[in-house]
N, C-alpha and C. Protein backbone atom coordinates (compact mmCIF):
# COMPACT_ATOMS: atom_id res chain seq x y z
N MET A 1 76.28 -17.74 -64.62
CA MET A 1 75.41 -18.14 -65.70
C MET A 1 74.12 -18.77 -65.19
N LEU A 2 74.15 -19.27 -63.96
CA LEU A 2 72.95 -19.90 -63.41
C LEU A 2 71.97 -18.88 -62.84
N SER A 3 72.45 -17.70 -62.56
CA SER A 3 71.59 -16.66 -62.00
C SER A 3 71.02 -15.79 -63.10
N PRO A 4 69.80 -15.30 -62.90
CA PRO A 4 69.25 -14.37 -63.90
C PRO A 4 70.02 -13.06 -63.83
N PRO A 5 70.12 -12.36 -64.93
CA PRO A 5 70.85 -11.09 -64.90
C PRO A 5 70.13 -10.06 -64.03
N ARG A 6 70.91 -9.29 -63.28
CA ARG A 6 70.34 -8.25 -62.42
C ARG A 6 70.35 -6.92 -63.16
N PRO A 7 69.35 -6.10 -62.90
CA PRO A 7 69.39 -4.77 -63.52
C PRO A 7 70.57 -3.97 -62.97
N ARG A 8 71.16 -3.17 -63.78
CA ARG A 8 72.31 -2.37 -63.38
C ARG A 8 71.84 -1.21 -62.50
N ASP A 9 72.49 -1.04 -61.39
CA ASP A 9 72.16 0.03 -60.45
C ASP A 9 73.06 1.23 -60.75
N ALA A 10 72.49 2.28 -61.32
CA ALA A 10 73.27 3.45 -61.72
C ALA A 10 73.91 4.13 -60.51
N SER A 11 73.19 4.18 -59.39
CA SER A 11 73.71 4.83 -58.20
C SER A 11 74.98 4.15 -57.70
N THR A 12 74.96 2.84 -57.70
CA THR A 12 76.13 2.08 -57.25
C THR A 12 77.30 2.31 -58.19
N CYS A 13 77.03 2.35 -59.48
CA CYS A 13 78.10 2.59 -60.46
C CYS A 13 78.72 3.97 -60.25
N ILE A 14 77.91 4.98 -59.97
CA ILE A 14 78.44 6.32 -59.72
C ILE A 14 79.31 6.31 -58.47
N THR A 15 78.80 5.71 -57.40
CA THR A 15 79.51 5.68 -56.13
C THR A 15 80.89 5.07 -56.27
N TRP A 16 80.98 3.90 -56.85
CA TRP A 16 82.26 3.20 -56.90
C TRP A 16 83.20 3.74 -57.95
N ALA A 17 82.69 4.54 -58.90
CA ALA A 17 83.55 5.12 -59.93
C ALA A 17 84.24 6.40 -59.47
N LEU A 18 83.72 7.04 -58.43
CA LEU A 18 84.33 8.28 -57.96
C LEU A 18 85.69 8.00 -57.31
N ARG A 19 86.56 8.98 -57.39
CA ARG A 19 87.91 8.83 -56.84
C ARG A 19 87.97 9.31 -55.40
N LEU A 20 87.02 8.86 -54.61
CA LEU A 20 86.96 9.20 -53.20
C LEU A 20 87.69 8.15 -52.39
N PRO A 21 88.04 8.48 -51.14
CA PRO A 21 88.59 7.45 -50.25
C PRO A 21 87.57 6.33 -50.08
N THR A 22 88.04 5.12 -49.90
CA THR A 22 87.16 3.96 -49.79
C THR A 22 86.12 4.13 -48.69
N LYS A 23 86.52 4.70 -47.55
CA LYS A 23 85.57 4.88 -46.45
C LYS A 23 84.40 5.77 -46.88
N LEU A 24 84.67 6.75 -47.75
CA LEU A 24 83.60 7.61 -48.25
C LEU A 24 82.70 6.87 -49.23
N LYS A 25 83.30 6.04 -50.07
CA LYS A 25 82.49 5.26 -51.01
C LYS A 25 81.53 4.36 -50.25
N ILE A 26 82.02 3.71 -49.21
CA ILE A 26 81.16 2.84 -48.40
C ILE A 26 80.08 3.66 -47.71
N PHE A 27 80.48 4.78 -47.14
CA PHE A 27 79.52 5.67 -46.47
C PHE A 27 78.41 6.12 -47.41
N ILE A 28 78.77 6.61 -48.60
CA ILE A 28 77.78 7.11 -49.56
C ILE A 28 76.89 5.97 -50.05
N TYR A 29 77.49 4.82 -50.29
CA TYR A 29 76.70 3.67 -50.73
C TYR A 29 75.66 3.30 -49.67
N LEU A 30 76.09 3.23 -48.40
CA LEU A 30 75.15 2.89 -47.32
C LEU A 30 74.08 3.97 -47.15
N LEU A 31 74.46 5.23 -47.31
CA LEU A 31 73.49 6.32 -47.23
C LEU A 31 72.46 6.19 -48.34
N ASP A 32 72.92 5.93 -49.53
CA ASP A 32 72.01 5.87 -50.68
C ASP A 32 71.03 4.70 -50.60
N ILE A 33 71.42 3.61 -49.98
CA ILE A 33 70.50 2.47 -49.85
C ILE A 33 69.83 2.44 -48.47
N ASP A 34 69.98 3.52 -47.70
CA ASP A 34 69.37 3.69 -46.37
C ASP A 34 69.78 2.59 -45.39
N ARG A 35 71.06 2.27 -45.35
CA ARG A 35 71.58 1.27 -44.41
C ARG A 35 72.62 1.86 -43.48
N LEU A 36 72.72 3.18 -43.45
CA LEU A 36 73.66 3.85 -42.58
C LEU A 36 73.20 3.69 -41.13
N SER A 37 74.11 3.74 -40.19
CA SER A 37 73.78 3.54 -38.78
C SER A 37 73.17 4.79 -38.16
N THR A 38 72.02 5.17 -38.65
CA THR A 38 71.27 6.27 -38.05
C THR A 38 70.58 5.73 -36.81
N ARG A 39 70.09 6.62 -35.99
CA ARG A 39 69.42 6.15 -34.77
C ARG A 39 68.18 5.30 -35.08
N ALA A 40 67.48 5.63 -36.14
CA ALA A 40 66.29 4.85 -36.50
C ALA A 40 66.69 3.42 -36.85
N ASN A 41 67.75 3.26 -37.65
CA ASN A 41 68.21 1.91 -38.01
C ASN A 41 68.75 1.15 -36.80
N LEU A 42 69.49 1.85 -35.94
CA LEU A 42 70.04 1.20 -34.74
C LEU A 42 68.93 0.83 -33.76
N PHE A 43 67.92 1.70 -33.62
CA PHE A 43 66.80 1.41 -32.74
C PHE A 43 66.01 0.20 -33.24
N TYR A 44 65.84 0.13 -34.55
CA TYR A 44 65.14 -1.00 -35.16
C TYR A 44 65.86 -2.31 -34.85
N LYS A 45 67.19 -2.27 -34.78
CA LYS A 45 68.00 -3.46 -34.48
C LYS A 45 68.21 -3.66 -32.99
N SER A 46 67.55 -2.84 -32.16
CA SER A 46 67.68 -2.87 -30.70
C SER A 46 69.10 -2.56 -30.24
N CYS A 47 69.77 -1.67 -30.95
CA CYS A 47 71.13 -1.27 -30.60
C CYS A 47 71.19 0.15 -30.04
N ALA A 48 70.07 0.84 -30.02
CA ALA A 48 70.04 2.21 -29.51
C ALA A 48 68.81 2.36 -28.62
N PRO A 49 68.92 3.16 -27.56
CA PRO A 49 67.78 3.33 -26.66
C PRO A 49 66.64 4.17 -27.25
N SER A 50 66.94 4.94 -28.27
CA SER A 50 65.94 5.82 -28.86
C SER A 50 66.23 6.01 -30.34
N ASP A 51 65.20 6.39 -31.08
CA ASP A 51 65.40 6.68 -32.51
C ASP A 51 65.31 8.18 -32.80
N ILE A 52 65.38 8.99 -31.75
CA ILE A 52 65.23 10.44 -31.88
C ILE A 52 66.57 11.09 -32.19
N CYS A 53 66.55 12.05 -33.11
CA CYS A 53 67.73 12.81 -33.52
C CYS A 53 68.36 13.51 -32.32
N ALA A 54 69.67 13.61 -32.30
CA ALA A 54 70.38 14.28 -31.21
C ALA A 54 70.20 15.79 -31.26
N ALA A 55 69.85 16.32 -32.43
CA ALA A 55 69.74 17.77 -32.59
C ALA A 55 68.31 18.29 -32.51
N CYS A 56 67.33 17.43 -32.74
CA CYS A 56 65.93 17.87 -32.71
C CYS A 56 65.03 16.68 -32.37
N PRO A 57 63.80 16.94 -31.95
CA PRO A 57 62.93 15.85 -31.48
C PRO A 57 62.18 15.12 -32.60
N ILE A 58 62.91 14.64 -33.59
CA ILE A 58 62.31 13.94 -34.73
C ILE A 58 63.10 12.65 -34.94
N VAL A 59 62.44 11.63 -35.48
CA VAL A 59 63.12 10.36 -35.74
C VAL A 59 64.29 10.59 -36.71
N GLU A 60 65.45 10.06 -36.35
CA GLU A 60 66.67 10.27 -37.14
C GLU A 60 66.81 9.19 -38.21
N THR A 61 66.23 9.45 -39.35
CA THR A 61 66.43 8.60 -40.52
C THR A 61 67.55 9.22 -41.35
N GLY A 62 67.99 8.54 -42.36
CA GLY A 62 69.00 9.10 -43.25
C GLY A 62 68.49 10.37 -43.92
N ARG A 63 67.25 10.34 -44.38
CA ARG A 63 66.65 11.51 -45.02
C ARG A 63 66.63 12.69 -44.05
N HIS A 64 66.20 12.43 -42.81
CA HIS A 64 66.14 13.52 -41.84
C HIS A 64 67.53 14.07 -41.54
N LEU A 65 68.46 13.20 -41.24
CA LEU A 65 69.80 13.61 -40.83
C LEU A 65 70.51 14.45 -41.88
N PHE A 66 70.43 14.04 -43.14
CA PHE A 66 71.21 14.69 -44.19
C PHE A 66 70.46 15.76 -44.98
N PHE A 67 69.13 15.80 -44.85
CA PHE A 67 68.38 16.74 -45.69
C PHE A 67 67.29 17.51 -44.96
N ASP A 68 66.72 16.97 -43.87
CA ASP A 68 65.58 17.62 -43.22
C ASP A 68 65.89 18.21 -41.85
N CYS A 69 66.96 17.79 -41.21
CA CYS A 69 67.35 18.33 -39.90
C CYS A 69 67.73 19.80 -40.08
N HIS A 70 67.54 20.62 -39.05
CA HIS A 70 67.79 22.05 -39.20
C HIS A 70 69.22 22.36 -39.62
N LEU A 71 70.20 21.60 -39.17
CA LEU A 71 71.59 21.82 -39.58
C LEU A 71 71.74 21.56 -41.08
N ALA A 72 71.21 20.43 -41.53
CA ALA A 72 71.33 20.07 -42.95
C ALA A 72 70.56 21.03 -43.85
N THR A 73 69.36 21.41 -43.46
CA THR A 73 68.59 22.33 -44.31
C THR A 73 69.31 23.67 -44.45
N ASP A 74 69.95 24.12 -43.37
CA ASP A 74 70.70 25.38 -43.44
C ASP A 74 71.90 25.24 -44.37
N ILE A 75 72.59 24.12 -44.31
CA ILE A 75 73.75 23.90 -45.19
C ILE A 75 73.32 23.91 -46.65
N TRP A 76 72.29 23.13 -46.99
CA TRP A 76 71.85 23.06 -48.39
C TRP A 76 71.28 24.40 -48.85
N ALA A 77 70.62 25.14 -47.96
CA ALA A 77 70.09 26.46 -48.32
C ALA A 77 71.24 27.44 -48.58
N ARG A 78 72.27 27.40 -47.75
CA ARG A 78 73.44 28.27 -47.97
C ARG A 78 74.10 27.99 -49.31
N LEU A 79 74.08 26.72 -49.71
CA LEU A 79 74.71 26.33 -50.97
C LEU A 79 73.77 26.47 -52.17
N ASP A 80 72.53 26.86 -51.93
CA ASP A 80 71.51 26.98 -52.98
C ASP A 80 71.27 25.67 -53.71
N VAL A 81 71.22 24.60 -52.95
CA VAL A 81 70.93 23.27 -53.51
C VAL A 81 69.52 22.88 -53.06
N PRO A 82 68.57 22.81 -53.99
CA PRO A 82 67.21 22.43 -53.61
C PRO A 82 67.13 20.93 -53.28
N ILE A 83 66.38 20.63 -52.25
CA ILE A 83 66.18 19.24 -51.83
C ILE A 83 64.81 18.79 -52.30
N PRO A 84 64.73 17.72 -53.10
CA PRO A 84 63.43 17.24 -53.57
C PRO A 84 62.56 16.76 -52.40
N ALA A 85 61.26 16.94 -52.53
CA ALA A 85 60.33 16.50 -51.48
C ALA A 85 60.13 14.99 -51.50
N GLU A 86 60.19 14.41 -52.68
CA GLU A 86 59.97 12.96 -52.81
C GLU A 86 61.30 12.21 -52.58
N PRO A 87 61.24 10.89 -52.37
CA PRO A 87 62.48 10.12 -52.21
C PRO A 87 63.39 10.28 -53.44
N PHE A 88 64.68 10.33 -53.20
CA PHE A 88 65.64 10.54 -54.27
C PHE A 88 66.98 9.92 -53.90
N SER A 89 67.82 9.76 -54.89
CA SER A 89 69.19 9.31 -54.69
C SER A 89 70.05 10.53 -54.38
N VAL A 90 71.11 10.36 -53.62
CA VAL A 90 72.00 11.49 -53.33
C VAL A 90 72.61 12.05 -54.61
N TRP A 91 72.65 11.24 -55.64
CA TRP A 91 73.22 11.70 -56.92
C TRP A 91 72.25 12.54 -57.73
N ASP A 92 71.01 12.68 -57.25
CA ASP A 92 70.03 13.52 -57.93
C ASP A 92 70.10 14.98 -57.49
N LEU A 93 70.94 15.29 -56.50
CA LEU A 93 71.07 16.67 -56.05
C LEU A 93 71.64 17.52 -57.18
N ARG A 94 71.06 18.68 -57.35
CA ARG A 94 71.45 19.57 -58.43
C ARG A 94 72.60 20.47 -57.99
N SER A 95 73.59 20.60 -58.82
CA SER A 95 74.75 21.44 -58.52
C SER A 95 74.38 22.92 -58.57
N PRO A 96 74.89 23.71 -57.62
CA PRO A 96 74.62 25.15 -57.66
C PRO A 96 75.52 25.89 -58.65
N LEU A 97 76.52 25.20 -59.17
CA LEU A 97 77.47 25.79 -60.12
C LEU A 97 77.49 24.98 -61.40
N PRO A 98 77.91 25.58 -62.50
CA PRO A 98 78.05 24.81 -63.74
C PRO A 98 79.32 23.95 -63.69
N LEU A 99 79.19 22.78 -63.09
CA LEU A 99 80.32 21.86 -62.93
C LEU A 99 80.03 20.56 -63.66
N PRO A 100 81.08 19.84 -64.06
CA PRO A 100 80.85 18.49 -64.59
C PRO A 100 80.25 17.62 -63.49
N ASN A 101 79.45 16.63 -63.88
CA ASN A 101 78.79 15.76 -62.91
C ASN A 101 79.75 15.15 -61.91
N LYS A 102 80.87 14.62 -62.38
CA LYS A 102 81.80 13.95 -61.47
C LYS A 102 82.35 14.89 -60.41
N SER A 103 82.62 16.13 -60.78
CA SER A 103 83.12 17.10 -59.80
C SER A 103 82.06 17.42 -58.76
N TRP A 104 80.81 17.62 -59.21
CA TRP A 104 79.74 17.89 -58.26
C TRP A 104 79.48 16.67 -57.37
N GLN A 105 79.50 15.49 -57.93
CA GLN A 105 79.28 14.28 -57.14
C GLN A 105 80.37 14.11 -56.08
N PHE A 106 81.60 14.39 -56.46
CA PHE A 106 82.72 14.36 -55.51
C PHE A 106 82.46 15.36 -54.39
N GLY A 107 82.04 16.57 -54.75
CA GLY A 107 81.77 17.61 -53.76
C GLY A 107 80.57 17.29 -52.89
N ALA A 108 79.50 16.79 -53.48
CA ALA A 108 78.30 16.45 -52.71
C ALA A 108 78.60 15.35 -51.70
N ALA A 109 79.38 14.36 -52.11
CA ALA A 109 79.76 13.28 -51.19
C ALA A 109 80.57 13.84 -50.02
N THR A 110 81.44 14.79 -50.31
CA THR A 110 82.26 15.40 -49.27
C THR A 110 81.40 16.21 -48.30
N ILE A 111 80.41 16.91 -48.81
CA ILE A 111 79.50 17.69 -47.96
C ILE A 111 78.69 16.75 -47.07
N LEU A 112 78.19 15.66 -47.64
CA LEU A 112 77.43 14.68 -46.85
C LEU A 112 78.31 14.07 -45.76
N TRP A 113 79.57 13.81 -46.10
CA TRP A 113 80.52 13.26 -45.12
C TRP A 113 80.73 14.27 -43.98
N ALA A 114 80.84 15.56 -44.30
CA ALA A 114 81.02 16.59 -43.28
C ALA A 114 79.79 16.68 -42.37
N ILE A 115 78.61 16.52 -42.93
CA ILE A 115 77.39 16.51 -42.11
C ILE A 115 77.42 15.32 -41.15
N TRP A 116 77.82 14.17 -41.65
CA TRP A 116 77.91 12.96 -40.83
C TRP A 116 78.92 13.15 -39.70
N LYS A 117 80.09 13.70 -40.02
CA LYS A 117 81.12 13.93 -39.00
C LYS A 117 80.64 14.94 -37.95
N SER A 118 79.91 15.96 -38.38
CA SER A 118 79.37 16.94 -37.44
C SER A 118 78.33 16.31 -36.52
N ARG A 119 77.50 15.46 -37.09
CA ARG A 119 76.51 14.75 -36.29
C ARG A 119 77.19 13.85 -35.27
N ASN A 120 78.24 13.15 -35.69
CA ASN A 120 78.96 12.29 -34.76
C ASN A 120 79.67 13.09 -33.67
N ASP A 121 80.15 14.28 -34.01
CA ASP A 121 80.77 15.14 -33.02
C ASP A 121 79.75 15.55 -31.96
N LEU A 122 78.51 15.80 -32.38
CA LEU A 122 77.45 16.12 -31.44
C LEU A 122 77.10 14.92 -30.57
N VAL A 123 76.91 13.76 -31.19
CA VAL A 123 76.48 12.57 -30.45
C VAL A 123 77.56 12.07 -29.49
N PHE A 124 78.79 11.99 -29.95
CA PHE A 124 79.84 11.35 -29.15
C PHE A 124 80.66 12.32 -28.30
N ASN A 125 80.72 13.60 -28.68
CA ASN A 125 81.53 14.56 -27.94
C ASN A 125 80.72 15.69 -27.33
N GLY A 126 79.43 15.76 -27.67
CA GLY A 126 78.57 16.80 -27.12
C GLY A 126 78.82 18.19 -27.69
N ARG A 127 79.55 18.29 -28.81
CA ARG A 127 79.82 19.59 -29.43
C ARG A 127 78.77 19.88 -30.49
N ALA A 128 78.00 20.91 -30.26
CA ALA A 128 76.95 21.28 -31.22
C ALA A 128 77.58 21.89 -32.47
N PRO A 129 77.31 21.32 -33.64
CA PRO A 129 77.90 21.85 -34.87
C PRO A 129 77.15 23.07 -35.38
N THR A 130 77.83 23.85 -36.18
CA THR A 130 77.18 24.97 -36.87
C THR A 130 77.30 24.70 -38.36
N SER A 131 76.48 25.36 -39.12
CA SER A 131 76.55 25.21 -40.58
C SER A 131 77.90 25.67 -41.11
N SER A 132 78.40 26.75 -40.57
CA SER A 132 79.69 27.29 -41.01
C SER A 132 80.82 26.31 -40.75
N SER A 133 80.86 25.73 -39.56
CA SER A 133 81.95 24.80 -39.24
C SER A 133 81.85 23.54 -40.10
N THR A 134 80.63 23.10 -40.37
CA THR A 134 80.45 21.91 -41.21
C THR A 134 80.90 22.18 -42.64
N LEU A 135 80.57 23.35 -43.15
CA LEU A 135 81.00 23.70 -44.51
C LEU A 135 82.52 23.87 -44.58
N ARG A 136 83.13 24.41 -43.53
CA ARG A 136 84.60 24.52 -43.51
C ARG A 136 85.25 23.14 -43.48
N LYS A 137 84.64 22.19 -42.75
CA LYS A 137 85.16 20.82 -42.74
C LYS A 137 85.09 20.21 -44.14
N ALA A 138 83.98 20.44 -44.82
CA ALA A 138 83.83 19.93 -46.18
C ALA A 138 84.88 20.55 -47.10
N SER A 139 85.11 21.83 -46.93
CA SER A 139 86.12 22.53 -47.73
C SER A 139 87.52 21.97 -47.47
N ASP A 140 87.83 21.71 -46.21
CA ASP A 140 89.14 21.13 -45.86
C ASP A 140 89.31 19.75 -46.47
N ASP A 141 88.23 18.96 -46.44
CA ASP A 141 88.31 17.61 -47.03
C ASP A 141 88.47 17.67 -48.55
N LEU A 142 87.82 18.63 -49.18
CA LEU A 142 87.99 18.79 -50.63
C LEU A 142 89.45 19.12 -50.96
N LEU A 143 90.05 19.97 -50.15
CA LEU A 143 91.46 20.31 -50.36
C LEU A 143 92.35 19.09 -50.14
N LEU A 144 92.03 18.31 -49.13
CA LEU A 144 92.81 17.12 -48.81
C LEU A 144 92.71 16.05 -49.89
N TRP A 145 91.52 15.90 -50.46
CA TRP A 145 91.29 14.80 -51.40
C TRP A 145 91.39 15.21 -52.87
N ARG A 146 91.64 16.47 -53.17
CA ARG A 146 91.68 16.93 -54.57
C ARG A 146 92.76 16.24 -55.37
N TRP A 147 93.83 15.80 -54.72
CA TRP A 147 94.92 15.13 -55.43
C TRP A 147 94.47 13.80 -56.03
N ARG A 148 93.35 13.27 -55.61
CA ARG A 148 92.84 12.01 -56.15
C ARG A 148 92.32 12.16 -57.58
N LEU A 149 92.02 13.38 -57.98
CA LEU A 149 91.49 13.64 -59.31
C LEU A 149 92.62 13.93 -60.29
N PRO A 150 92.37 13.70 -61.57
CA PRO A 150 93.36 14.11 -62.58
C PRO A 150 93.56 15.62 -62.51
N VAL A 151 94.73 16.07 -62.87
CA VAL A 151 95.06 17.50 -62.81
C VAL A 151 94.04 18.34 -63.56
N SER A 152 93.54 17.83 -64.68
CA SER A 152 92.58 18.59 -65.49
C SER A 152 91.24 18.82 -64.78
N GLU A 153 90.90 18.01 -63.79
CA GLU A 153 89.62 18.13 -63.09
C GLU A 153 89.73 18.90 -61.78
N ARG A 154 90.92 19.19 -61.34
CA ARG A 154 91.11 19.85 -60.04
C ARG A 154 90.58 21.29 -60.02
N ALA A 155 90.62 21.96 -61.14
CA ALA A 155 90.13 23.35 -61.19
C ALA A 155 88.65 23.42 -60.85
N HIS A 156 87.87 22.44 -61.30
CA HIS A 156 86.44 22.41 -60.98
C HIS A 156 86.23 22.23 -59.48
N LEU A 157 87.04 21.39 -58.87
CA LEU A 157 86.94 21.15 -57.43
C LEU A 157 87.37 22.40 -56.66
N ASP A 158 88.37 23.10 -57.16
CA ASP A 158 88.81 24.34 -56.52
C ASP A 158 87.71 25.40 -56.58
N LEU A 159 87.00 25.45 -57.70
CA LEU A 159 85.87 26.37 -57.84
C LEU A 159 84.78 26.05 -56.83
N LEU A 160 84.44 24.78 -56.69
CA LEU A 160 83.44 24.35 -55.72
C LEU A 160 83.90 24.66 -54.31
N ARG A 161 85.15 24.40 -54.03
CA ARG A 161 85.71 24.67 -52.69
C ARG A 161 85.61 26.15 -52.34
N SER A 162 85.97 27.02 -53.27
CA SER A 162 85.89 28.47 -52.99
C SER A 162 84.42 28.90 -52.82
N TYR A 163 83.52 28.29 -53.58
CA TYR A 163 82.10 28.57 -53.44
C TYR A 163 81.61 28.18 -52.04
N ILE A 164 82.03 27.01 -51.59
CA ILE A 164 81.63 26.53 -50.26
C ILE A 164 82.19 27.46 -49.18
N LEU A 165 83.44 27.88 -49.33
CA LEU A 165 84.03 28.78 -48.33
C LEU A 165 83.31 30.13 -48.27
N THR A 166 82.90 30.65 -49.42
CA THR A 166 82.17 31.94 -49.38
C THR A 166 80.81 31.77 -48.71
N ARG A 167 80.22 30.60 -48.84
CA ARG A 167 78.91 30.34 -48.21
C ARG A 167 79.04 29.97 -46.74
N ALA A 168 80.24 29.68 -46.28
CA ALA A 168 80.45 29.31 -44.88
C ALA A 168 80.55 30.53 -43.97
N LEU A 169 80.68 31.70 -44.55
CA LEU A 169 80.84 32.92 -43.74
C LEU A 169 79.57 33.33 -43.07
């Protein structure tokens, strides 16, 4: 009661309302507020020797890693998801299929998580990811986490999963 009321953050409400694993909710929340441990953020904190992306010679910001890096641009192009030029929330991405918002948000978070895991595989294990392998990882995670949704919503996730698999070829 002593503090002034804060404006409601719609992005945060979307993130925490999804039936994703907690680690994914934290990951998406940090990505959306640009606090993820990208090389640019780590370099700024003097925790990394460089702020350059492991896959290309550009500063690795969250925007670059998930939307502008050649791996990410190929993934989003394969899925027919346009990336806005101006700053945006991850929840502003447009679904390539006629899906309910919650199903697309669940799927988009899973795709972003697969991009992050592929990037980490490159940085820590030296394995260069491909768009196809990243999309297959996202598809596997959708299958693994689909049980978190009510039975009535699983069909939408299955549709998205099959769409992702056809685009991974």
